[in-house]
Amino acid sequence: MNSRHHCASQQSGVILLEALLAILIFSLGILALVGLQAAAVKQSTDARYRSEAALLANEVIGQMWVSDRTTATLQGNFNSPGGAAYNNWLARVGGILPGVAANPPTVAIDGQGIATITVFWNAPNEPAGTAPHQYVAIAQIR
């Protein structure tokens, strides 16, 4: 009887230790899931901005296609900075993508009618000094 009591007293803290280890492992799993969720939200936001940049670049290319497609007219209306059509498009880009004021998009049309549109943006929660994201579209307008 005395030996049975002696074994029980040696085992008295094991259940508590096992419970604490289980809580630790569970907590690490929850923290990993929270980190995974945060990464998924960031990647989803980045994808949204990239798709909006592509849509905006294709929008200005569409405007070029329906306008007078002579090279001089395209350059006068769409080249950045200063073209009237470019300024209207720039206002739209600034209303959709964040950080456009610091890095405005560029539109360059060369002598062969090849238009290069580069759209820049900075995600709202990125640290200062981070290089802007960019999307480049190239199209030949004839």
Protein backbone atom coordinates (compact mmCIF):
# COMPACT_ATOMS: atom_id res chain seq x y z
CA MET A 1 0.00 0.00 0.00
CA ASN A 2 2.80 2.35 0.81
CA SER A 3 4.48 1.62 -2.55
CA ARG A 4 1.22 2.35 -4.37
CA HIS A 5 0.96 5.75 -2.66
CA HIS A 6 4.59 6.45 -3.53
CA CYS A 7 3.96 5.82 -7.32
CA ALA A 8 0.86 8.04 -7.32
CA SER A 9 2.77 10.97 -5.82
CA GLN A 10 5.44 10.69 -8.56
CA GLN A 11 2.75 10.87 -11.26
CA SER A 12 0.75 13.75 -9.80
CA GLY A 13 2.08 16.56 -12.09
CA VAL A 14 2.26 14.64 -15.38
CA ILE A 15 -1.32 15.39 -16.45
CA LEU A 16 -0.82 19.10 -15.85
CA LEU A 17 2.41 19.04 -17.86
CA GLU A 18 0.69 17.19 -20.73
CA ALA A 19 -2.15 19.72 -20.71
CA LEU A 20 0.29 22.64 -20.86
CA LEU A 21 2.16 21.07 -23.77
CA ALA A 22 -1.12 20.46 -25.62
CA ILE A 23 -2.11 24.11 -25.11
CA LEU A 24 1.32 25.23 -26.40
CA ILE A 25 1.05 23.11 -29.54
CA PHE A 26 -2.52 24.28 -30.15
CA SER A 27 -1.47 27.94 -29.70
CA LEU A 28 1.38 27.55 -32.20
CA GLY A 29 -1.07 26.08 -34.70
CA ILE A 30 -3.47 28.99 -34.24
CA LEU A 31 -0.64 31.51 -34.68
CA ALA A 32 0.43 29.77 -37.88
CA LEU A 33 -3.14 29.97 -39.21
CA VAL A 34 -3.33 33.69 -38.38
CA GLY A 35 -0.05 34.27 -40.23
CA LEU A 36 -1.30 32.27 -43.20
CA GLN A 37 -4.51 34.32 -43.27
CA ALA A 38 -2.55 37.59 -43.20
CA ALA A 39 -0.35 36.44 -46.10
CA ALA A 40 -3.43 35.40 -48.08
CA VAL A 41 -5.05 38.81 -47.58
CA LYS A 42 -1.85 40.58 -48.70
CA GLN A 43 -1.52 38.42 -51.81
CA SER A 44 -5.19 38.93 -52.65
CA THR A 45 -4.81 42.70 -52.36
CA ASP A 46 -1.69 42.65 -54.55
CA ALA A 47 -3.55 40.62 -57.18
CA ARG A 48 -6.45 43.07 -57.11
CA TYR A 49 -4.17 46.06 -57.69
CA ARG A 50 -2.34 44.25 -60.51
CA SER A 51 -5.60 43.35 -62.26
CA GLU A 52 -6.86 46.93 -61.90
CA ALA A 53 -3.58 48.22 -63.37
CA ALA A 54 -3.98 45.85 -66.33
CA LEU A 55 -7.57 46.97 -66.83
CA LEU A 56 -6.54 50.64 -66.76
CA ALA A 57 -3.70 50.08 -69.22
CA ASN A 58 -6.04 48.24 -71.58
CA GLU A 59 -8.58 51.03 -71.17
CA VAL A 60 -6.16 53.68 -72.44
CA ILE A 61 -5.11 51.39 -75.31
CA GLY A 62 -8.79 51.06 -76.24
CA GLN A 63 -9.16 54.84 -76.19
CA MET A 64 -6.19 55.09 -78.55
CA TRP A 65 -7.78 52.59 -80.93
CA VAL A 66 -11.05 54.52 -81.20
CA SER A 67 -9.37 57.92 -81.59
CA ASP A 68 -7.59 59.36 -84.61
CA ARG A 69 -4.73 56.88 -84.97
CA THR A 70 -2.21 59.07 -86.70
CA THR A 71 1.05 59.03 -84.75
CA ALA A 72 1.16 62.79 -84.23
CA THR A 73 -2.40 62.89 -82.87
CA LEU A 74 -1.80 59.93 -80.58
CA GLN A 75 1.37 61.53 -79.23
CA GLY A 76 -0.38 64.85 -78.69
CA ASN A 77 -3.36 63.34 -76.89
CA PHE A 78 -1.87 60.46 -74.95
CA ASN A 79 1.85 61.00 -74.32
CA SER A 80 2.64 61.78 -70.71
CA PRO A 81 2.70 64.32 -69.32
CA GLY A 82 0.27 66.79 -70.75
CA GLY A 83 -1.99 65.20 -73.35
CA ALA A 84 -5.68 65.90 -72.77
CA ALA A 85 -6.70 62.24 -73.04
CA TYR A 86 -3.77 61.29 -70.80
CA ASN A 87 -4.82 63.78 -68.12
CA ASN A 88 -8.39 62.39 -68.09
CA TRP A 89 -7.06 58.85 -67.83
CA LEU A 90 -4.58 59.88 -65.11
CA ALA A 91 -7.43 61.20 -62.97
CA ARG A 92 -9.20 57.85 -63.32
CA VAL A 93 -6.03 55.91 -62.43
CA GLY A 94 -5.50 58.10 -59.37
CA GLY A 95 -9.01 57.33 -58.16
CA ILE A 96 -8.53 53.56 -58.41
CA LEU A 97 -4.92 52.74 -57.50
CA PRO A 98 -3.17 53.91 -54.31
CA GLY A 99 0.05 55.90 -54.37
CA VAL A 100 -0.31 57.12 -57.95
CA ALA A 101 0.32 60.77 -57.02
CA ALA A 102 3.92 59.94 -56.03
CA ASN A 103 4.52 57.82 -59.16
CA PRO A 104 2.20 58.78 -62.02
CA PRO A 105 1.77 56.33 -64.89
CA THR A 106 3.60 56.94 -68.14
CA VAL A 107 2.40 56.64 -71.71
CA ALA A 108 4.96 56.84 -74.52
CA ILE A 109 4.12 56.51 -78.21
CA ASP A 110 7.01 56.22 -80.62
CA GLY A 111 7.16 57.08 -84.34
CA GLN A 112 5.89 53.65 -85.41
CA GLY A 113 2.77 53.92 -83.23
CA ILE A 114 4.03 51.56 -80.53
CA ALA A 115 2.51 52.61 -77.22
CA THR A 116 4.18 51.67 -73.94
CA ILE A 117 1.99 52.18 -70.88
CA THR A 118 3.55 51.79 -67.43
CA VAL A 119 1.25 51.97 -64.40
CA PHE A 120 2.78 52.38 -60.93
CA TRP A 121 1.19 52.01 -57.50
CA ASN A 122 2.15 51.63 -53.84
CA ALA A 123 0.09 49.44 -51.56
CA PRO A 124 -1.26 51.40 -48.58
CA ASN A 125 0.50 49.41 -45.83
CA GLU A 126 3.96 49.15 -47.39
CA PRO A 127 6.88 50.74 -45.56
CA ALA A 128 8.15 54.11 -46.78
CA GLY A 129 10.87 53.87 -49.38
CA THR A 130 9.53 50.65 -50.89
CA ALA A 131 9.87 50.56 -54.67
CA PRO A 132 6.48 50.96 -56.37
CA HIS A 133 4.79 48.03 -58.08
CA GLN A 134 4.41 48.37 -61.82
CA TYR A 135 2.50 46.95 -64.74
CA VAL A 136 3.71 47.47 -68.33
CA ALA A 137 1.59 47.04 -71.45
CA ILE A 138 2.85 47.48 -75.01
CA ALA A 139 0.60 47.78 -78.04
CA GLN A 140 0.98 48.90 -81.62
CA ILE A 141 -1.73 51.33 -82.68
CA ARG A 142 -2.30 51.61 -86.43
